[in-house]
Amino acid sequence: MTIAAVAAVPLLLIVLQIVASYNHFEGPLHSIWEDYAGTPKSMSMPWAGLALALVGLSWRRRFTTLAVAVVLDAVIAGVRLLLGGPLTFGNGAVITLTGLALVAWLGWEGRDKRNALHAAALGALLILATKVGDVWLHVTVMAGPKVLDRYVVLSDHAFGEPSWLVARALTSSAALGPVVPAVLHWVYIELPVAAMVIAVWQLRRVASKRAPEPWPSHYLVRTFLVLGIVGPLIYVLFPVVGPMFAFAPGGHGFQIGNYWPRHVPPLDHAPARMVFDTFTPRNCVPSMHAAWSTSIFLHSRRDNDGSPAPRWLRWGGAFWVLATLVATLGFGYHYCSDLIAGVVLCLTLESVLRAPERGWDGIRVALVATGAALFSALLLSFRFLALWMAEHPVPAGIIVLALVAAYARAFYNTWFARLPDAHATEMKDVLAR
């Protein structure tokens, strides 16, 4: 199974590159080549991947690897700038990550080799996941010309149209100035950096020489990758572009009107699919930023042994999820309905992955089944009960929020409430082994 999984990654990249080349947009292999020898698309992602790979090394090897990456990046960036290219970074991190994997594979033995290859694979997967995600955004456009924004904006009446409210608050408050929107933009864009910080903290002692710990049975990278596989599949089934495109000039002439963020569109009593452009991704439902930031929050609560995480990490996780949710609404990227679906999806998949040593007991099965049913019910409601939700916003909003709150409470009681002594002892035995 491991060999098949490893072989599936390059096969997927090749297939996506063929699709991208046939449809005349940048594919993952071309983007990877740019990371090595061209201009990286992102400065932060290569370094986030390398930072994650460093957790599998001893401190001496970490410093050596980091020094090599910094020197390489500085030299390549300098040469690019002298040749008239942009000032950007990332090549050195990708090259060093690749070199690290090769050195560990060919030259190291035992635990050092296993830890280094494990961590390098995680760092590489983090980078490759963004490449696949970029291509999938194009696939959502290729899947069909019509979107469901007319329905989702109606369902948002049940939640008070928060995208409009938050956007007006961000743009009309002189006290906020340019700093707050700039910070929110940075938080929204650099979500993988926060994930890397949490993952590094969770894996910080796996390569310790004094008191090495086994790799935890569950950590943030697993949730991130599974969310990245499952969530985008829904984009094709439930295509939505978001308020800044469907109800604002960002729609390039395909928008219903220039409503967002100053005016809530009038109630549409005959909603229907609407034709949209051929380049805007249909990536709203579910909100993956909401799902990923929720997973960051969850994994910032506890250490691997179940003890409370440091205060700085808990506050950081809370800030990141709140800032991400404000950004998704305030910049018009999502409706509130998208965020609710994203949170439920995260809690459901976390229930699948968390504490694998516990096995599939009745509680886990019930929690996963309930989450899947609730997620499906939300999407069906946004599509087929949207007009009813808009005409009866108070009962509709109360019903949806009460169901989601009840599910969140069940999730907390299962995974975060005080563990019974017997189960806590079992957890410590598993970690010790």
Protein backbone atom coordinates (compact mmCIF):
# COMPACT_ATOMS: atom_id res chain seq x y z
CA MET A 1 0.00 0.00 0.00
CA THR A 2 2.86 2.35 0.77
CA ILE A 3 4.52 1.67 -2.59
CA ALA A 4 1.18 2.21 -4.36
CA ALA A 5 0.64 5.50 -2.53
CA VAL A 6 4.12 6.74 -3.41
CA ALA A 7 3.68 5.70 -7.04
CA ALA A 8 0.27 7.43 -7.20
CA VAL A 9 1.77 10.88 -6.53
CA PRO A 10 3.90 11.18 -9.72
CA LEU A 11 1.14 9.49 -11.71
CA LEU A 12 -1.36 12.10 -10.49
CA LEU A 13 1.07 14.91 -11.32
CA ILE A 14 1.60 13.56 -14.84
CA VAL A 15 -2.14 13.23 -15.48
CA LEU A 16 -2.82 16.74 -14.22
CA GLN A 17 0.04 18.12 -16.30
CA ILE A 18 -1.45 16.51 -19.43
CA VAL A 19 -4.85 18.03 -18.60
CA ALA A 20 -3.26 21.43 -17.98
CA SER A 21 -1.21 21.38 -21.17
CA TYR A 22 -4.22 20.34 -23.25
CA ASN A 23 -6.26 23.21 -21.81
CA HIS A 24 -3.44 25.78 -21.98
CA PHE A 25 -2.79 26.58 -18.32
CA GLU A 26 0.15 25.92 -16.02
CA GLY A 27 0.35 22.36 -14.73
CA PRO A 28 1.99 20.96 -11.60
CA LEU A 29 5.15 19.67 -13.30
CA HIS A 30 5.77 23.05 -14.91
CA SER A 31 5.20 24.75 -11.56
CA ILE A 32 7.62 22.35 -9.86
CA TRP A 33 10.24 23.08 -12.51
CA GLU A 34 9.82 26.80 -11.81
CA ASP A 35 10.51 26.10 -8.14
CA TYR A 36 13.80 24.48 -9.08
CA ALA A 37 15.11 26.59 -11.95
CA GLY A 38 12.68 29.44 -12.58
CA THR A 39 10.60 31.87 -10.55
CA PRO A 40 8.70 30.14 -7.72
CA LYS A 41 4.99 30.86 -7.62
CA SER A 42 5.12 31.20 -3.84
CA MET A 43 7.96 32.35 -1.62
CA SER A 44 6.53 30.95 1.61
CA MET A 45 5.45 27.44 0.56
CA PRO A 46 8.94 26.08 -0.29
CA TRP A 47 10.26 27.35 3.03
CA ALA A 48 7.26 25.97 4.91
CA GLY A 49 7.93 22.56 3.34
CA LEU A 50 11.61 22.70 4.26
CA ALA A 51 10.81 23.80 7.82
CA LEU A 52 8.53 20.79 8.19
CA ALA A 53 11.28 18.52 6.86
CA LEU A 54 13.72 19.82 9.49
CA VAL A 55 11.76 18.18 12.33
CA GLY A 56 13.22 14.81 11.30
CA LEU A 57 16.83 15.97 11.77
CA SER A 58 19.15 16.48 14.71
CA TRP A 59 19.92 20.07 15.66
CA ARG A 60 23.36 19.98 14.02
CA ARG A 61 21.90 18.73 10.76
CA ARG A 62 19.08 21.27 10.97
CA PHE A 63 21.52 24.17 11.13
CA THR A 64 23.62 22.74 8.31
CA THR A 65 20.58 22.16 6.09
CA LEU A 66 19.17 25.60 6.83
CA ALA A 67 22.49 27.28 6.06
CA VAL A 68 22.74 25.50 2.71
CA ALA A 69 19.17 26.52 1.82
CA VAL A 70 19.73 30.18 2.74
CA VAL A 71 22.96 30.44 0.75
CA LEU A 72 21.45 28.74 -2.29
CA ASP A 73 18.35 30.91 -2.17
CA ALA A 74 20.37 34.11 -1.83
CA VAL A 75 22.66 33.22 -4.74
CA ILE A 76 19.81 32.18 -7.06
CA ALA A 77 17.70 35.23 -6.13
CA GLY A 78 20.69 37.50 -6.74
CA VAL A 79 21.41 36.02 -10.16
CA ARG A 80 17.72 36.29 -11.12
CA LEU A 81 17.65 39.94 -10.06
CA LEU A 82 20.83 40.75 -12.04
CA LEU A 83 19.25 39.16 -15.12
CA GLY A 84 16.25 41.44 -14.81
CA GLY A 85 13.90 39.02 -13.09
CA PRO A 86 11.77 39.63 -9.98
CA LEU A 87 13.16 39.57 -6.45
CA THR A 88 11.68 36.40 -5.03
CA PHE A 89 12.84 33.38 -3.06
CA GLY A 90 12.11 29.67 -2.69
CA ASN A 91 14.44 27.86 -5.13
CA GLY A 92 17.05 27.18 -2.48
CA ALA A 93 14.51 25.66 -0.11
CA VAL A 94 13.16 23.23 -2.75
CA ILE A 95 16.62 22.20 -3.95
CA THR A 96 17.81 21.67 -0.37
CA LEU A 97 14.71 19.64 0.49
CA THR A 98 15.37 17.37 -2.47
CA GLY A 99 19.04 17.05 -1.57
CA LEU A 100 18.14 16.23 2.01
CA ALA A 101 15.90 13.37 0.90
CA LEU A 102 18.61 11.97 -1.39
CA VAL A 103 21.34 12.20 1.26
CA ALA A 104 19.15 10.52 3.88
CA TRP A 105 18.07 7.78 1.47
CA LEU A 106 21.55 6.96 0.16
CA GLY A 107 23.80 7.81 3.09
CA TRP A 108 22.02 7.42 6.42
CA GLU A 109 20.86 4.38 8.34
CA GLY A 110 18.42 3.37 11.04
CA ARG A 111 16.27 5.84 12.95
CA ASP A 112 18.01 8.89 11.46
CA LYS A 113 17.15 7.72 7.96
CA ARG A 114 13.53 6.91 8.79
CA ASN A 115 12.91 10.21 10.56
CA ALA A 116 14.56 12.27 7.82
CA LEU A 117 12.67 10.56 4.98
CA HIS A 118 9.37 10.73 6.88
CA ALA A 119 9.74 14.45 7.54
CA ALA A 120 11.02 15.20 4.03
CA ALA A 121 8.01 13.40 2.56
CA LEU A 122 5.68 15.54 4.65
CA GLY A 123 7.42 18.72 3.51
CA ALA A 124 7.27 17.64 -0.12
CA LEU A 125 3.59 16.68 0.16
CA LEU A 126 2.78 20.11 1.60
CA ILE A 127 4.36 21.75 -1.44
CA LEU A 128 2.89 19.31 -3.97
CA ALA A 129 -0.59 19.67 -2.49
CA THR A 130 -0.59 23.36 -3.43
CA LYS A 131 0.43 22.46 -7.00
CA VAL A 132 -2.43 19.99 -7.30
CA GLY A 133 -4.81 22.50 -5.75
CA ASP A 134 -3.90 25.17 -8.31
CA VAL A 135 -4.73 22.79 -11.15
CA TRP A 136 -7.96 21.67 -9.52
CA LEU A 137 -9.20 25.26 -9.47
CA HIS A 138 -9.04 25.18 -13.26
CA VAL A 139 -10.82 21.83 -13.27
CA THR A 140 -13.74 23.37 -11.36
CA VAL A 141 -14.17 25.83 -14.23
CA MET A 142 -13.91 23.10 -16.84
CA ALA A 143 -16.60 21.07 -15.06
CA GLY A 144 -19.36 23.43 -16.18
CA PRO A 145 -20.24 27.04 -17.00
CA LYS A 146 -23.04 27.49 -14.43
CA VAL A 147 -22.83 28.32 -10.72
CA LEU A 148 -25.26 28.17 -7.77
CA ASP A 149 -24.70 31.60 -6.20
CA ARG A 150 -28.37 32.59 -6.56
CA TYR A 151 -29.25 29.77 -4.18
CA VAL A 152 -26.48 30.28 -1.66
CA VAL A 153 -27.11 34.01 -1.28
CA LEU A 154 -30.72 33.18 -0.43
CA SER A 155 -29.67 30.68 2.23
CA ASP A 156 -27.38 33.36 3.67
CA HIS A 157 -30.44 35.43 4.58
CA ALA A 158 -30.90 32.96 7.45
CA PHE A 159 -27.53 34.04 8.89
CA GLY A 160 -27.87 37.79 8.40
CA GLU A 161 -25.72 38.18 5.23
CA PRO A 162 -22.46 38.45 7.24
CA SER A 163 -20.29 38.83 4.14
CA TRP A 164 -21.97 42.16 3.46
CA LEU A 165 -21.83 43.24 7.13
CA VAL A 166 -18.16 42.37 7.68
CA ALA A 167 -17.08 43.90 4.37
CA ARG A 168 -18.79 47.18 5.22
CA ALA A 169 -17.16 47.15 8.65
CA LEU A 170 -13.71 46.67 7.13
CA THR A 171 -14.12 49.33 4.46
CA SER A 172 -16.04 52.00 6.37
CA SER A 173 -14.22 52.09 9.70
CA ALA A 174 -11.52 54.74 9.59
CA ALA A 175 -10.17 53.51 12.92
CA LEU A 176 -9.04 50.23 11.37
CA GLY A 177 -6.89 51.94 8.74
CA PRO A 178 -4.90 49.90 6.21
CA VAL A 179 -3.15 47.72 8.79
CA VAL A 180 -6.06 45.45 9.74
CA PRO A 181 -7.05 44.58 6.14
CA ALA A 182 -3.38 43.97 5.31
CA VAL A 183 -2.98 41.59 8.26
CA LEU A 184 -6.18 39.76 7.32
CA HIS A 185 -4.98 39.39 3.73
CA TRP A 186 -1.67 37.96 4.94
CA VAL A 187 -3.41 35.52 7.31
CA TYR A 188 -5.73 34.37 4.52
CA ILE A 189 -2.92 33.81 2.01
CA GLU A 190 -0.38 32.28 4.39
CA LEU A 191 -2.61 29.61 5.92
CA PRO A 192 -0.04 26.84 5.17
CA VAL A 193 2.55 28.74 7.22
CA ALA A 194 0.34 28.51 10.31
CA ALA A 195 -0.17 24.81 9.60
CA MET A 196 3.59 24.36 9.38
CA VAL A 197 4.08 26.04 12.79
CA ILE A 198 1.54 23.73 14.43
CA ALA A 199 2.97 20.64 12.72
CA VAL A 200 6.55 21.50 13.70
CA TRP A 201 5.45 21.94 17.31
CA GLN A 202 3.62 18.60 17.28
CA LEU A 203 6.65 16.80 15.81
CA ARG A 204 9.35 18.75 17.65
CA ARG A 205 10.77 15.82 19.62
CA VAL A 206 10.64 12.92 17.15
CA ALA A 207 14.35 13.35 16.33
CA SER A 208 15.55 14.35 19.80
CA LYS A 209 18.77 12.64 20.86
CA ARG A 210 18.05 13.01 24.58
CA ALA A 211 14.45 11.80 24.76
CA PRO A 212 13.16 10.89 21.31
CA GLU A 213 9.42 10.47 20.98
CA PRO A 214 7.62 8.23 18.50
CA TRP A 215 5.78 9.91 15.68
CA PRO A 216 2.33 10.80 17.01
CA SER A 217 -0.54 8.69 15.77
CA HIS A 218 -2.30 11.81 14.49
CA TYR A 219 -1.09 15.32 13.68
CA LEU A 220 -2.17 18.31 11.65
CA VAL A 221 -0.55 17.41 8.32
CA ARG A 222 -2.75 14.32 8.02
CA THR A 223 -5.91 16.40 8.46
CA PHE A 224 -4.68 19.06 6.04
CA LEU A 225 -3.98 16.56 3.30
CA VAL A 226 -7.24 14.63 3.69
CA LEU A 227 -9.23 17.86 3.71
CA GLY A 228 -7.36 18.89 0.57
CA ILE A 229 -8.43 15.65 -1.14
CA VAL A 230 -12.08 15.50 -0.06
CA GLY A 231 -13.11 19.15 0.04
CA PRO A 232 -12.25 20.20 -3.52
CA LEU A 233 -14.25 17.28 -4.91
CA ILE A 234 -17.38 19.06 -3.67
CA TYR A 235 -16.51 22.11 -5.79
CA VAL A 236 -17.42 20.18 -8.92
CA LEU A 237 -20.75 19.04 -7.45
CA PHE A 238 -21.66 22.39 -5.89
CA PRO A 239 -20.02 25.18 -7.97
CA VAL A 240 -20.12 28.63 -6.36
CA VAL A 241 -17.88 31.66 -7.08
CA GLY A 242 -18.64 33.94 -4.12
CA PRO A 243 -20.19 37.38 -3.52
CA MET A 244 -17.27 39.47 -4.81
CA PHE A 245 -17.71 37.83 -8.20
CA ALA A 246 -21.45 37.06 -8.44
CA PHE A 247 -22.63 40.36 -6.91
CA ALA A 248 -19.80 42.83 -7.55
CA PRO A 249 -17.71 44.19 -10.45
CA GLY A 250 -15.29 41.30 -9.93
CA GLY A 251 -17.69 39.25 -12.02
CA HIS A 252 -16.42 40.94 -15.23
CA GLY A 253 -19.90 41.42 -16.64
CA PHE A 254 -21.32 38.07 -15.53
CA GLN A 255 -22.41 39.33 -12.10
CA ILE A 256 -26.07 39.69 -11.21
CA GLY A 257 -25.47 43.31 -10.22
CA ASN A 258 -23.07 45.56 -8.35
CA TYR A 259 -24.52 44.90 -4.90
CA TRP A 260 -21.67 43.69 -2.72
CA PRO A 261 -20.81 45.05 -0.21
CA ARG A 262 -23.06 48.11 0.01
CA HIS A 263 -26.44 46.62 -0.83
CA VAL A 264 -27.95 43.21 -0.16
CA PRO A 265 -29.53 41.92 -3.40
CA PRO A 266 -33.34 41.74 -3.45
CA LEU A 267 -35.06 38.47 -2.68
CA ASP A 268 -35.04 36.23 -5.75
CA HIS A 269 -38.27 34.21 -5.80
CA ALA A 270 -37.20 32.15 -8.81
CA PRO A 271 -33.55 31.22 -8.27
CA ALA A 272 -31.73 29.31 -10.97
CA ARG A 273 -28.23 28.37 -12.00
CA MET A 274 -26.39 31.28 -13.57
CA VAL A 275 -23.82 31.20 -16.37
CA PHE A 276 -20.44 32.54 -15.34
CA ASP A 277 -17.06 33.18 -16.94
CA THR A 278 -14.50 30.60 -18.00
CA PHE A 279 -11.69 31.51 -15.60
CA THR A 280 -13.07 32.20 -12.09
CA PRO A 281 -12.69 29.09 -9.86
CA ARG A 282 -15.85 27.59 -8.41
CA ASN A 283 -14.23 27.01 -5.03
CA CYS A 284 -16.60 28.33 -2.36
CA VAL A 285 -18.62 25.39 -1.02
CA PRO A 286 -17.29 24.18 1.29
CA SER A 287 -14.89 26.90 2.41
CA MET A 288 -11.57 25.10 2.66
CA HIS A 289 -10.05 28.09 4.44
CA ALA A 290 -12.70 27.65 7.13
CA ALA A 291 -12.03 23.90 7.27
CA TRP A 292 -8.24 24.24 7.40
CA SER A 293 -8.24 27.09 9.93
CA THR A 294 -10.62 25.07 12.12
CA SER A 295 -8.18 22.16 12.00
CA ILE A 296 -5.37 24.56 13.01
CA PHE A 297 -7.48 25.67 15.96
CA LEU A 298 -8.22 22.09 17.02
CA HIS A 299 -4.60 20.99 16.84
CA SER A 300 -3.41 24.03 18.80
CA ARG A 301 -5.41 22.96 21.87
CA ARG A 302 -3.56 19.86 23.10
CA ASP A 303 -0.11 18.30 23.13
CA ASN A 304 0.43 14.78 21.80
CA ASP A 305 -0.07 13.27 25.28
CA GLY A 306 -3.39 15.08 25.82
CA SER A 307 -2.01 17.83 28.07
CA PRO A 308 -2.90 21.48 27.30
CA ALA A 309 -0.76 23.18 24.67
CA PRO A 310 1.28 26.26 25.59
CA ARG A 311 -0.71 29.46 25.93
CA TRP A 312 1.02 31.14 22.98
CA LEU A 313 -0.01 28.28 20.70
CA ARG A 314 -3.61 28.24 21.90
CA TRP A 315 -3.94 31.99 21.46
CA GLY A 316 -2.27 31.76 18.06
CA GLY A 317 -4.65 29.05 16.88
CA ALA A 318 -7.67 31.05 18.07
CA PHE A 319 -6.40 34.20 16.35
CA TRP A 320 -5.77 32.36 13.09
CA VAL A 321 -9.22 30.81 12.82
CA LEU A 322 -10.99 34.07 13.73
CA ALA A 323 -8.86 36.17 11.36
CA THR A 324 -9.35 33.65 8.55
CA LEU A 325 -13.13 33.62 8.97
CA VAL A 326 -13.25 37.43 9.04
CA ALA A 327 -11.09 37.60 5.92
CA THR A 328 -13.17 35.07 3.98
CA LEU A 329 -16.31 37.09 4.68
CA GLY A 330 -14.92 40.60 4.62
CA PHE A 331 -13.13 40.27 1.30
CA GLY A 332 -16.14 38.65 -0.35
CA TYR A 333 -14.51 35.29 -1.00
CA HIS A 334 -17.28 33.30 0.72
CA TYR A 335 -20.82 33.30 2.01
CA CYS A 336 -21.54 32.33 5.61
CA SER A 337 -23.11 29.11 4.33
CA ASP A 338 -19.72 28.12 2.87
CA LEU A 339 -18.03 28.60 6.23
CA ILE A 340 -20.61 26.50 8.09
CA ALA A 341 -20.18 23.66 5.59
CA GLY A 342 -16.39 23.90 5.89
CA VAL A 343 -16.44 23.67 9.67
CA VAL A 344 -18.72 20.61 9.62
CA LEU A 345 -16.51 18.94 7.02
CA CYS A 346 -13.44 19.54 9.20
CA LEU A 347 -15.06 18.10 12.33
CA THR A 348 -16.26 15.06 10.39
CA LEU A 349 -12.87 14.24 8.88
CA GLU A 350 -11.13 14.93 12.20
CA SER A 351 -13.44 12.33 13.73
CA VAL A 352 -12.28 9.86 11.08
CA LEU A 353 -8.57 10.50 11.67
CA ARG A 354 -8.20 11.38 15.35
CA ALA A 355 -6.90 8.79 17.87
CA PRO A 356 -6.58 5.82 15.47
CA GLU A 357 -5.50 3.63 18.40
CA ARG A 358 -9.07 3.93 19.71
CA GLY A 359 -10.43 1.98 16.76
CA TRP A 360 -13.85 2.27 15.16
CA ASP A 361 -16.07 2.00 18.19
CA GLY A 362 -19.76 2.92 18.20
CA ILE A 363 -19.12 6.52 19.23
CA ARG A 364 -16.73 7.19 16.35
CA VAL A 365 -19.04 5.56 13.83
CA ALA A 366 -21.99 7.59 15.09
CA LEU A 367 -19.99 10.83 15.06
CA VAL A 368 -18.69 10.32 11.52
CA ALA A 369 -22.09 9.22 10.20
CA THR A 370 -23.79 12.19 11.84
CA GLY A 371 -21.23 14.61 10.43
CA ALA A 372 -21.58 13.19 6.93
CA ALA A 373 -25.38 13.37 7.17
CA LEU A 374 -25.28 16.94 8.50
CA PHE A 375 -22.86 18.05 5.78
CA SER A 376 -25.06 16.50 3.09
CA ALA A 377 -28.18 18.04 4.62
CA LEU A 378 -26.55 21.47 4.61
CA LEU A 379 -25.69 21.28 0.91
CA LEU A 380 -29.16 20.00 0.02
CA SER A 381 -30.73 22.77 2.09
CA PHE A 382 -28.63 25.47 0.44
CA ARG A 383 -29.74 24.15 -2.94
CA PHE A 384 -33.37 23.07 -2.50
CA LEU A 385 -34.56 25.00 0.59
CA ALA A 386 -32.78 28.27 -0.15
CA LEU A 387 -35.95 30.24 -0.88
CA TRP A 388 -37.65 28.90 2.27
CA MET A 389 -34.57 29.85 4.32
CA ALA A 390 -34.69 33.39 2.89
CA GLU A 391 -38.42 33.77 3.54
CA HIS A 392 -38.15 32.33 7.09
CA PRO A 393 -34.66 33.45 8.17
CA VAL A 394 -35.14 33.26 11.94
CA PRO A 395 -36.35 29.63 12.24
CA ALA A 396 -34.04 28.50 9.42
CA GLY A 397 -31.01 30.14 11.01
CA ILE A 398 -31.83 28.77 14.45
CA ILE A 399 -32.29 25.23 13.10
CA VAL A 400 -29.02 25.21 11.15
CA LEU A 401 -26.92 26.83 13.87
CA ALA A 402 -28.44 24.62 16.57
CA LEU A 403 -27.65 21.46 14.59
CA VAL A 404 -24.07 22.59 13.94
CA ALA A 405 -23.60 23.62 17.59
CA ALA A 406 -24.95 20.26 18.77
CA TYR A 407 -22.55 18.43 16.48
CA ALA A 408 -19.63 20.57 17.64
CA ARG A 409 -20.56 19.77 21.24
CA ALA A 410 -20.66 16.05 20.47
CA PHE A 411 -17.23 16.38 18.83
CA TYR A 412 -15.88 18.13 21.92
CA ASN A 413 -17.35 15.56 24.29
CA THR A 414 -15.78 12.76 22.26
CA TRP A 415 -12.29 14.10 21.69
CA PHE A 416 -11.60 16.97 24.09
CA ALA A 417 -13.59 16.39 27.29
CA ARG A 418 -11.73 14.84 30.19
CA LEU A 419 -10.68 11.34 29.20
CA PRO A 420 -11.63 8.43 31.46
CA ASP A 421 -8.67 7.22 33.48
CA ALA A 422 -8.54 3.88 31.67
CA HIS A 423 -8.48 5.49 28.25
CA ALA A 424 -5.90 8.07 29.36
CA THR A 425 -3.65 5.26 30.60
CA GLU A 426 -4.06 3.45 27.28
CA MET A 427 -3.09 6.62 25.41
CA LYS A 428 0.08 7.01 27.47
CA ASP A 429 1.01 3.34 26.86
CA VAL A 430 0.57 3.79 23.11
CA LEU A 431 2.73 6.93 23.11
CA ALA A 432 5.37 5.19 25.21
CA ARG A 433 5.57 2.32 22.73
